[in-house]
């Protein structure tokens, strides 16, 4: 039960972070500013950490969602932590080296994360253009 509540909590945080891209207010009058850059960095960090937590929590609860160089994640907590957040970053930024790969439900989670990773820059540019017009 606690796992599901934590998933819901993390999902809400991710959604609220992404929602800030679509709010009608300006952060600064300029399209390119340090504040806008920081906002974009915070959005990416929230999404990366949130999905990293999804992978990590599933692994810690005995579900295999990631393979590291073809092997199930094993060993200490730190190895699972590192692999989960590394995979999350590589998926979000669409690099995907292939050393850590998703399996099972991890594939569906990775698809959602990759989709979000592709749409964040487009939404950011669209927002900057919209803000310049108003």
Protein backbone atom coordinates (compact mmCIF):
# COMPACT_ATOMS: atom_id res chain seq x y z
CA UNK A 1 0.00 0.00 0.00
CA UNK A 2 2.78 2.43 0.92
CA UNK A 3 4.52 1.77 -2.39
CA UNK A 4 1.41 2.78 -4.34
CA UNK A 5 0.97 5.95 -2.30
CA UNK A 6 4.59 6.88 -2.93
CA UNK A 7 4.11 6.29 -6.68
CA UNK A 8 1.08 8.57 -6.63
CA UNK A 9 3.01 11.23 -4.69
CA UNK A 10 5.96 11.14 -7.12
CA UNK A 11 3.59 11.22 -10.11
CA UNK A 12 1.89 14.33 -8.73
CA UNK A 13 5.27 16.03 -8.28
CA UNK A 14 6.25 15.22 -11.87
CA UNK A 15 2.92 16.49 -13.21
CA UNK A 16 3.14 19.70 -11.19
CA UNK A 17 6.66 20.29 -12.47
CA UNK A 18 5.59 19.77 -16.09
CA UNK A 19 2.51 21.93 -15.51
CA UNK A 20 4.76 24.95 -14.96
CA UNK A 21 5.64 24.86 -18.66
CA UNK A 22 2.03 25.52 -19.58
CA UNK A 23 1.09 28.24 -17.11
CA UNK A 24 0.30 31.55 -18.83
CA UNK A 25 2.54 33.77 -16.71
CA UNK A 26 6.01 34.96 -17.66
CA UNK A 27 9.02 34.24 -15.53
CA UNK A 28 10.99 37.04 -17.13
CA UNK A 29 10.26 39.34 -20.04
CA UNK A 30 13.12 37.87 -22.08
CA UNK A 31 12.79 34.58 -23.95
CA UNK A 32 16.32 33.59 -22.97
CA UNK A 33 17.16 34.36 -19.38
CA UNK A 34 18.98 32.73 -16.51
CA UNK A 35 15.69 32.29 -14.65
CA UNK A 36 14.13 30.43 -17.60
CA UNK A 37 17.23 28.25 -17.85
CA UNK A 38 16.99 27.40 -14.13
CA UNK A 39 13.29 26.61 -14.47
CA UNK A 40 14.00 24.23 -17.35
CA UNK A 41 16.80 22.59 -15.35
CA UNK A 42 14.50 22.12 -12.35
CA UNK A 43 11.81 20.55 -14.52
CA UNK A 44 14.32 18.09 -16.01
CA UNK A 45 15.72 17.30 -12.55
CA UNK A 46 12.26 16.65 -11.09
CA UNK A 47 11.29 14.35 -13.94
CA UNK A 48 14.63 12.49 -13.86
CA UNK A 49 14.53 12.01 -10.08
CA UNK A 50 10.86 10.99 -10.15
CA UNK A 51 11.33 8.30 -12.78
CA UNK A 52 14.58 7.19 -11.13
CA UNK A 53 12.58 6.65 -7.95
CA UNK A 54 10.00 4.61 -9.88
CA UNK A 55 12.69 2.25 -11.21
CA UNK A 56 14.46 2.05 -7.85
CA UNK A 57 11.31 1.35 -5.84
CA UNK A 58 10.20 -1.38 -8.20
CA UNK A 59 13.65 -2.99 -8.02
CA UNK A 60 13.72 -2.76 -4.22
CA UNK A 61 10.30 -4.46 -4.09
CA UNK A 62 11.57 -7.46 -6.04
CA UNK A 63 10.32 -6.55 -9.51
CA UNK A 64 13.02 -6.73 -12.16
CA UNK A 65 12.59 -3.68 -14.39
CA UNK A 66 16.22 -3.03 -15.40
CA UNK A 67 19.07 -5.17 -16.63
CA UNK A 68 22.65 -3.90 -16.30
CA UNK A 69 24.85 -5.35 -19.07
CA UNK A 70 22.40 -8.21 -19.45
CA UNK A 71 22.26 -9.11 -15.76
CA UNK A 72 19.61 -8.42 -13.16
CA UNK A 73 20.51 -5.58 -10.80
CA UNK A 74 22.05 -7.13 -7.74
CA UNK A 75 24.31 -6.20 -4.90
CA UNK A 76 24.05 -3.25 -2.62
CA UNK A 77 21.43 -0.55 -2.54
CA UNK A 78 23.94 1.89 -4.03
CA UNK A 79 24.27 -0.16 -7.24
CA UNK A 80 20.49 -0.23 -7.73
CA UNK A 81 20.28 3.47 -6.90
CA UNK A 82 23.03 4.35 -9.36
CA UNK A 83 21.65 2.20 -12.19
CA UNK A 84 18.08 3.49 -11.71
CA UNK A 85 19.02 7.15 -11.84
CA UNK A 86 21.56 6.64 -14.62
CA UNK A 87 18.95 4.85 -16.74
CA UNK A 88 16.41 7.57 -15.98
CA UNK A 89 18.79 10.32 -17.14
CA UNK A 90 19.81 8.44 -20.28
CA UNK A 91 16.17 7.81 -21.18
CA UNK A 92 15.00 11.35 -20.44
CA UNK A 93 17.77 12.89 -22.53
CA UNK A 94 17.28 10.28 -25.29
CA UNK A 95 20.86 9.06 -25.22
CA UNK A 96 20.25 5.41 -24.38
CA UNK A 97 23.67 3.77 -24.46
CA UNK A 98 22.17 0.29 -24.11
CA UNK A 99 24.22 -0.86 -21.12
CA UNK A 100 21.17 -0.63 -18.85
CA UNK A 101 17.92 -1.73 -20.48
CA UNK A 102 14.31 -1.93 -19.27
CA UNK A 103 12.32 -5.14 -19.15
CA UNK A 104 8.70 -5.89 -18.29
CA UNK A 105 6.76 -2.93 -16.94
CA UNK A 106 10.03 -0.96 -17.02
CA UNK A 107 9.62 -0.70 -20.80
CA UNK A 108 6.29 1.08 -20.45
CA UNK A 109 7.68 3.44 -17.83
CA UNK A 110 10.67 4.17 -20.10
CA UNK A 111 8.35 4.97 -23.02
CA UNK A 112 6.46 7.52 -20.94
CA UNK A 113 9.71 9.06 -19.69
CA UNK A 114 11.17 9.27 -23.21
CA UNK A 115 7.98 10.89 -24.49
CA UNK A 116 8.18 13.49 -21.73
CA UNK A 117 11.87 14.03 -22.50
CA UNK A 118 11.06 14.77 -26.14
CA UNK A 119 8.19 17.12 -25.38
CA UNK A 120 9.84 19.30 -22.69
CA UNK A 121 12.05 21.26 -25.15
CA UNK A 122 9.16 21.72 -27.60
CA UNK A 123 6.87 22.97 -24.84
CA UNK A 124 9.59 25.29 -23.55
CA UNK A 125 10.16 26.83 -27.00
CA UNK A 126 6.42 27.16 -27.62
CA UNK A 127 6.04 28.90 -24.28
CA UNK A 128 8.93 31.27 -24.99
CA UNK A 129 7.43 32.20 -28.36
CA UNK A 130 3.96 32.67 -26.84
CA UNK A 131 5.39 34.86 -24.07
CA UNK A 132 7.20 37.05 -26.63
CA UNK A 133 3.95 37.64 -28.52
CA UNK A 134 2.07 38.88 -25.46
